[in-house]
Each structure stands twice: as structure tokens, then as C-alpha cells.
Protein backbone atom coordinates (compact mmCIF):
# COMPACT_ATOMS: atom_id res chain seq x y z
CA MET A 1 16.64 85.61 6.40
CA THR A 2 17.69 89.23 6.91
CA ARG A 3 17.78 91.91 9.57
CA TRP A 4 15.67 95.03 9.39
CA ARG A 5 17.84 98.12 8.90
CA GLY A 6 19.47 99.21 12.17
CA CYS A 7 17.45 96.73 14.21
CA SER A 8 18.35 93.47 15.95
CA LEU A 9 15.19 91.88 14.58
CA ARG A 10 15.85 89.13 12.01
CA VAL A 11 13.06 88.87 9.44
CA LEU A 12 11.91 86.31 6.90
CA HIS A 13 10.73 89.02 4.48
CA GLU A 14 12.16 92.52 4.22
CA VAL A 15 10.01 95.47 5.27
CA HIS A 16 8.40 97.07 2.21
CA PRO A 17 9.07 100.83 1.86
CA GLU A 18 5.31 101.52 2.04
CA GLU A 19 4.91 99.79 5.41
CA VAL A 20 4.33 102.12 8.36
CA LEU A 21 5.73 101.09 11.74
CA ILE A 22 2.94 100.79 14.32
CA SER A 23 4.90 99.39 17.25
CA ARG A 24 7.94 97.34 18.14
CA GLY A 25 9.58 95.95 21.24
CA GLN A 26 11.30 93.15 23.07
CA TYR A 27 10.25 90.45 25.54
CA ARG A 28 12.50 88.75 28.06
CA TYR A 29 11.79 85.12 28.93
CA LEU A 30 12.13 84.28 32.64
CA ARG A 31 11.87 81.19 34.79
CA GLY A 32 11.75 81.47 38.56
CA GLY A 33 12.31 85.21 38.08
CA GLN A 34 15.65 84.68 36.33
CA PRO A 35 16.41 85.21 32.62
CA THR A 36 16.46 82.00 30.62
CA GLY A 37 18.72 83.54 27.97
CA GLN A 38 15.91 83.56 25.42
CA VAL A 39 14.63 86.92 24.11
CA GLU A 40 12.06 87.98 21.56
CA HIS A 41 12.18 91.00 19.25
CA TRP A 42 9.03 91.98 17.36
CA GLN A 43 7.45 94.69 15.25
CA ILE A 44 4.02 95.46 13.78
CA THR A 45 3.66 97.41 10.55
CA ARG A 46 0.72 98.47 8.38
CA LEU A 47 0.42 98.40 4.60
CA PRO A 48 -1.43 101.11 2.62
CA ASN A 49 -4.40 98.75 2.08
CA GLY A 50 -4.89 98.36 5.85
CA GLN A 51 -3.28 94.94 6.19
CA GLU A 52 -0.96 94.47 9.17
CA VAL A 53 2.27 92.48 9.31
CA VAL A 54 3.58 91.06 12.59
CA ARG A 55 7.23 89.94 12.55
CA ALA A 56 8.86 88.17 15.49
CA ASP A 57 12.31 86.77 16.21
CA VAL A 58 12.62 84.42 19.21
CA ASP A 59 16.35 84.05 19.83
CA GLY A 60 17.69 81.15 21.89
CA SER A 61 21.36 81.57 20.99
CA GLN A 62 22.32 82.06 24.65
CA ILE A 63 21.04 78.56 25.50
CA PRO A 64 22.89 75.36 24.51
CA ALA A 65 20.99 73.96 21.50
CA GLY A 66 18.41 76.65 22.21
CA PRO A 67 15.42 77.10 19.90
CA HIS A 68 15.17 79.86 17.30
CA LEU A 69 11.83 80.86 15.81
CA LEU A 70 11.22 83.44 13.07
CA THR A 71 7.62 84.29 12.20
CA HIS A 72 5.82 86.50 9.71
CA LEU A 73 2.05 86.87 10.13
CA GLN A 74 -0.12 88.90 7.77
CA ARG A 75 -3.55 90.09 8.90
CA ARG A 76 -6.46 91.33 6.82
CA PRO A 77 -7.74 94.89 7.41
CA ASP A 78 -10.51 93.41 9.61
CA GLY A 79 -7.87 91.84 11.91
CA ARG A 80 -8.41 88.25 10.79
CA PRO A 81 -5.22 86.25 10.07
CA GLU A 82 -4.50 85.76 6.37
CA TRP A 83 -1.29 83.73 6.31
CA LEU A 84 1.70 82.82 8.46
CA ARG A 85 5.22 81.78 7.56
CA LEU A 86 7.73 80.54 10.10
CA GLN A 87 11.17 79.02 10.39
CA TYR A 88 12.10 76.86 13.37
CA MET A 89 15.55 75.69 14.38
CA LYS A 90 16.60 73.68 17.41
CA GLY A 91 19.80 71.66 17.58
CA ASP A 92 20.11 69.75 14.31
CA LEU A 93 16.49 70.43 13.37
CA LEU A 94 15.69 73.05 10.75
CA ALA A 95 12.15 73.28 9.43
CA ALA A 96 9.90 75.82 7.75
CA ALA A 97 6.18 76.08 7.14
CA GLN A 98 3.44 78.22 5.67
CA TYR A 99 -0.15 78.34 6.93
CA GLN A 100 -3.00 79.72 4.82
CA PHE A 101 -6.03 80.65 6.92
CA GLU A 102 -9.44 79.94 5.40
CA ASP A 103 -12.88 80.35 7.01
CA ALA A 104 -13.00 76.98 8.80
CA GLU A 105 -9.77 75.28 7.80
CA VAL A 106 -6.01 75.88 7.58
CA ILE A 107 -3.84 74.75 4.68
CA VAL A 108 -0.41 73.69 6.01
CA ILE A 109 2.68 73.37 3.80
CA ARG A 110 5.80 72.34 5.70
CA GLN A 111 9.23 70.86 5.18
CA GLU A 112 12.11 69.74 7.36
CA ALA A 113 15.63 70.29 5.97
CA GLY A 114 16.54 67.22 3.95
CA GLY A 115 12.97 65.93 4.05
CA HIS A 116 9.97 65.89 1.76
CA ARG A 117 7.56 68.78 1.34
CA ARG A 118 4.24 67.95 2.98
CA GLN A 119 0.80 69.50 2.64
CA ASP A 120 -2.05 69.01 5.12
CA LYS A 121 -5.44 70.50 5.84
CA VAL A 122 -6.67 71.12 9.38
CA GLU A 123 -10.40 71.62 9.91
CA ILE A 124 -11.32 73.97 12.74
CA ALA A 125 -14.32 75.86 14.11
CA ALA A 126 -15.21 79.15 12.44
CA ASN A 127 -13.91 82.41 13.97
CA TYR A 128 -10.79 80.69 15.25
CA VAL A 129 -7.67 82.59 16.33
CA VAL A 130 -4.01 81.68 15.93
CA ASP A 131 -1.38 81.01 18.59
CA TYR A 132 1.91 80.73 16.74
CA HIS A 133 4.04 80.89 19.93
CA PRO A 134 5.93 84.24 20.15
CA VAL A 135 4.58 86.37 23.00
CA ILE A 136 3.46 89.06 20.54
CA ALA A 137 1.18 86.37 19.05
CA HIS A 138 -0.70 86.02 22.34
CA ASP A 139 -3.12 88.78 21.38
CA TYR A 140 -5.30 85.86 20.26
CA VAL A 141 -6.77 85.93 23.80
CA TRP A 142 -8.67 89.21 23.41
CA ARG A 143 -9.16 88.75 19.66
CA GLY A 144 -10.87 85.42 20.25
CA TYR A 145 -13.04 86.43 23.20
CA PRO A 146 -16.47 87.49 21.84
CA ALA A 147 -18.19 90.62 23.12
CA THR A 148 -21.38 88.58 23.46
CA ALA A 149 -19.76 86.43 26.18
CA GLY A 150 -20.50 89.18 28.70
CA GLY A 151 -17.47 88.62 30.91
CA LYS A 152 -18.06 84.91 31.43
CA ALA A 153 -15.51 82.15 30.86
CA TRP A 154 -15.58 81.22 27.19
CA SER A 155 -14.04 78.41 25.14
CA ILE A 156 -12.33 79.82 22.03
CA PRO A 157 -11.07 77.77 19.05
CA VAL A 158 -7.33 78.13 18.50
CA PHE A 159 -5.08 76.95 15.68
CA SER A 160 -1.44 76.39 16.66
CA PRO A 161 1.64 75.06 14.81
CA ASP A 162 3.17 72.11 16.66
CA LEU A 163 6.81 72.92 17.46
CA TRP A 164 7.24 69.83 19.59
CA ALA A 165 6.00 67.11 17.26
CA LEU A 166 8.48 64.36 16.46
CA GLY A 167 9.74 63.17 13.11
CA GLY A 168 7.74 64.12 10.05
CA ASP A 169 5.00 65.77 12.11
CA VAL A 170 7.09 68.82 13.06
CA LEU A 171 5.22 72.09 12.38
CA SER A 172 1.96 70.27 11.72
CA GLY A 173 -1.14 72.15 12.85
CA ARG A 174 -3.35 71.57 15.88
CA ALA A 175 -6.98 72.59 16.44
CA LEU A 176 -7.29 73.41 20.16
CA ARG A 177 -9.71 74.96 22.64
CA PHE A 178 -8.66 77.46 25.34
CA ALA A 179 -10.93 78.74 28.11
CA VAL A 180 -10.66 82.53 28.50
CA THR A 181 -12.04 84.63 31.37
CA PRO A 182 -11.66 88.43 31.46
CA LEU A 183 -10.80 89.86 34.87
CA ALA A 184 -11.00 93.39 36.25
CA PRO A 185 -8.46 95.83 34.76
CA GLU A 186 -5.43 96.44 36.95
CA THR A 187 -2.06 98.16 36.93
CA CYS A 188 0.67 96.13 35.23
CA GLU A 189 4.26 97.13 35.83
CA VAL A 190 6.96 95.65 33.60
CA PRO A 191 10.48 96.84 32.65
CA ALA A 192 8.97 98.66 29.64
CA GLY A 193 6.83 100.82 31.92
CA ARG A 194 3.83 101.12 34.20
CA PHE A 195 0.47 100.57 32.52
CA GLU A 196 -2.66 101.70 34.32
CA ALA A 197 -5.94 99.82 33.78
CA ALA A 198 -4.29 97.04 31.79
CA ARG A 199 -6.69 94.43 30.47
CA CYS A 200 -6.27 91.16 32.36
CA TYR A 201 -7.35 87.62 31.43
CA LYS A 202 -7.18 84.15 32.91
CA VAL A 203 -6.48 81.48 30.30
CA ILE A 204 -6.77 77.71 30.71
CA LEU A 205 -4.87 76.01 27.89
CA SER A 206 -5.97 72.75 26.26
CA ASP A 207 -3.66 70.76 28.58
CA SER A 208 -5.28 72.46 31.63
CA VAL A 209 -2.23 74.70 32.27
CA LEU A 210 -3.14 78.08 33.77
CA ALA A 211 -1.81 81.31 32.24
CA MET A 212 -2.37 84.93 33.23
CA ALA A 213 -2.18 87.66 30.60
CA TRP A 214 -2.07 91.48 30.64
CA TYR A 215 -2.48 93.87 27.67
CA ASP A 216 -2.19 97.60 27.11
CA SER A 217 -4.84 99.78 25.45
CA ALA A 218 -3.48 98.87 21.99
CA GLY A 219 -3.79 95.15 22.72
CA ILE A 220 -0.06 94.52 23.03
CA PRO A 221 0.83 91.75 25.52
CA LEU A 222 2.62 93.26 28.52
CA ARG A 223 3.13 90.08 30.49
CA TRP A 224 2.32 86.39 30.06
CA HIS A 225 2.73 84.35 33.24
CA TYR A 226 2.39 80.64 34.06
CA PRO A 227 2.03 80.74 37.88
CA ASP A 228 2.21 76.95 38.34
CA LYS A 229 5.28 76.52 36.14
CA GLY A 230 7.29 79.59 37.10
CA TYR A 231 7.55 80.89 33.54
CA ASP A 232 7.16 84.62 33.01
CA PHE A 233 7.41 86.60 29.77
CA VAL A 234 7.68 90.36 30.23
CA LEU A 235 7.87 93.37 27.92
CA VAL A 236 11.23 95.12 28.40
CA GLU A 237 11.28 97.53 25.43
CA TYR A 238 8.32 99.18 23.68
CA THR A 239 7.96 101.89 21.05
CA ARG A 240 4.61 102.96 19.63
CA GLY A 241 4.10 104.76 16.30
CA PRO A 242 2.97 105.30 13.75
CA GLN A 243 6.31 106.09 12.15
CA SER A 244 7.61 105.86 8.61
CA ILE A 245 10.12 103.08 8.09
CA GLY A 246 12.75 105.70 7.30
CA SER A 247 12.46 107.22 10.79
CA GLY A 248 12.75 103.87 12.56
CA GLY A 249 15.45 101.31 12.31
């Protein structure tokens, strides 16, 4: 685990010199309008072959026994997920996993510190998207909503690592269904700026929890809000490229 040069983002894999920075930023996690102490740093880069890498660092160090999550997602040039690696720590728990995304299944390799290495296979509907928990990962909403749905509510298949499973099931994979409804574009104002005509969606999660989501023209989540639970995740810093790695940091 390292930090990218000059940046507070911790990464699982160093940035390759040929990667071009597309965007980076920070989310603040709120509850009842107040900071929880948890923050998320993220960046998106592009490789010369068109693949994209999304790195995220969810830092809970300001919370007693707070969770830490490091993720590294690689996407194919067509935007489909290729593989994901993550490291999760909370209290005495330390676990890591890798997920290989195939057409209609996910190969899961995971291990808890001091435990045995486990391998599983999760079958899932074709054209699924991936929710791996950082806010920057929530672009699965618009990626999973098909153009043929014509603005109607649509059930999308979602794969998600289970951070809350107990015992040997930690970081196992879940095949879920979320109901997504696009709403009229509207202005979204967050600490990172004012975004006119932001794309807006209503999302009903598999446990029937309601979420509201806003995105800018590049598909970056601006805000993710659970109105019934009081949780709010807002973009507080945002830089868009492209830039060479040497000019960033």
C-alpha cells in the first residue's frame, strides 16, 4: 500500500508512468448534515490502450474503529469492468479480495488475515454493473441503465462485495437487483461547485432503501443521498484533466 506522489490518496498499485490523469477529487461523508469523520479520495486514469483505472481510498481514521477501504478497479476500453482488487480494514479485521469479471459470472478470491484463501464463483445476469462501495463507484447507476428503457424505472443487475458479512464470508460477492429511474436534469450545488443540468436518478436498493443520485456531464457522482436515513455523500474537491502524471500529484 503506497501513496501517489504528492497526493493524500493511498493506493494498492502505483500509478504507471504511462497513465494519464482524467479526474480526481474527494467526497465528504455526512449524517444529519454533519461530517461523520469519514472521507474518500479518488482518481481516474487512462492507459495508452484505452483502459481506465479507478482508485479510491475511503478513510475512517477519524472514527473509533472506523472502516478503511482501498479499491483498484480496471475497466476495459468499452467501459465494462475487467477486475477489482480491494483491501478492507475495520477494528481487528483485515481482509483483501480480487474479483475477476466475466460475461455472466464473477470469480472471487478472498482472504482474511490469518485465515485461509478462498475462491468462489458468483453467477449473475449478463450486462451487470459493479457497486464496490466508494462513492466514485456509484457511476454504476447510469452505466447500468439501458438506453432502450426510455426513461422508465428499470431493474439492473448489480454485483457487490459484501463488507458486512460475518466470519469466513467477509468480502464474498452478492448478485443484487436495483431499480433505477432517471429524473429530469437539475442544478446540483455541492462544495466542489455548482453544476447546471446535472443528471439525476432515483435508486431503490435491493433492501428497498431509497437513494438519490446526481452526476455531472462526465458521469462523476456529485452527490449520493439517502433521504430516509440522513446519510449524504458530497463532492468537496474536483479536478478534471486530462493531465500527465508528472503535472499532477
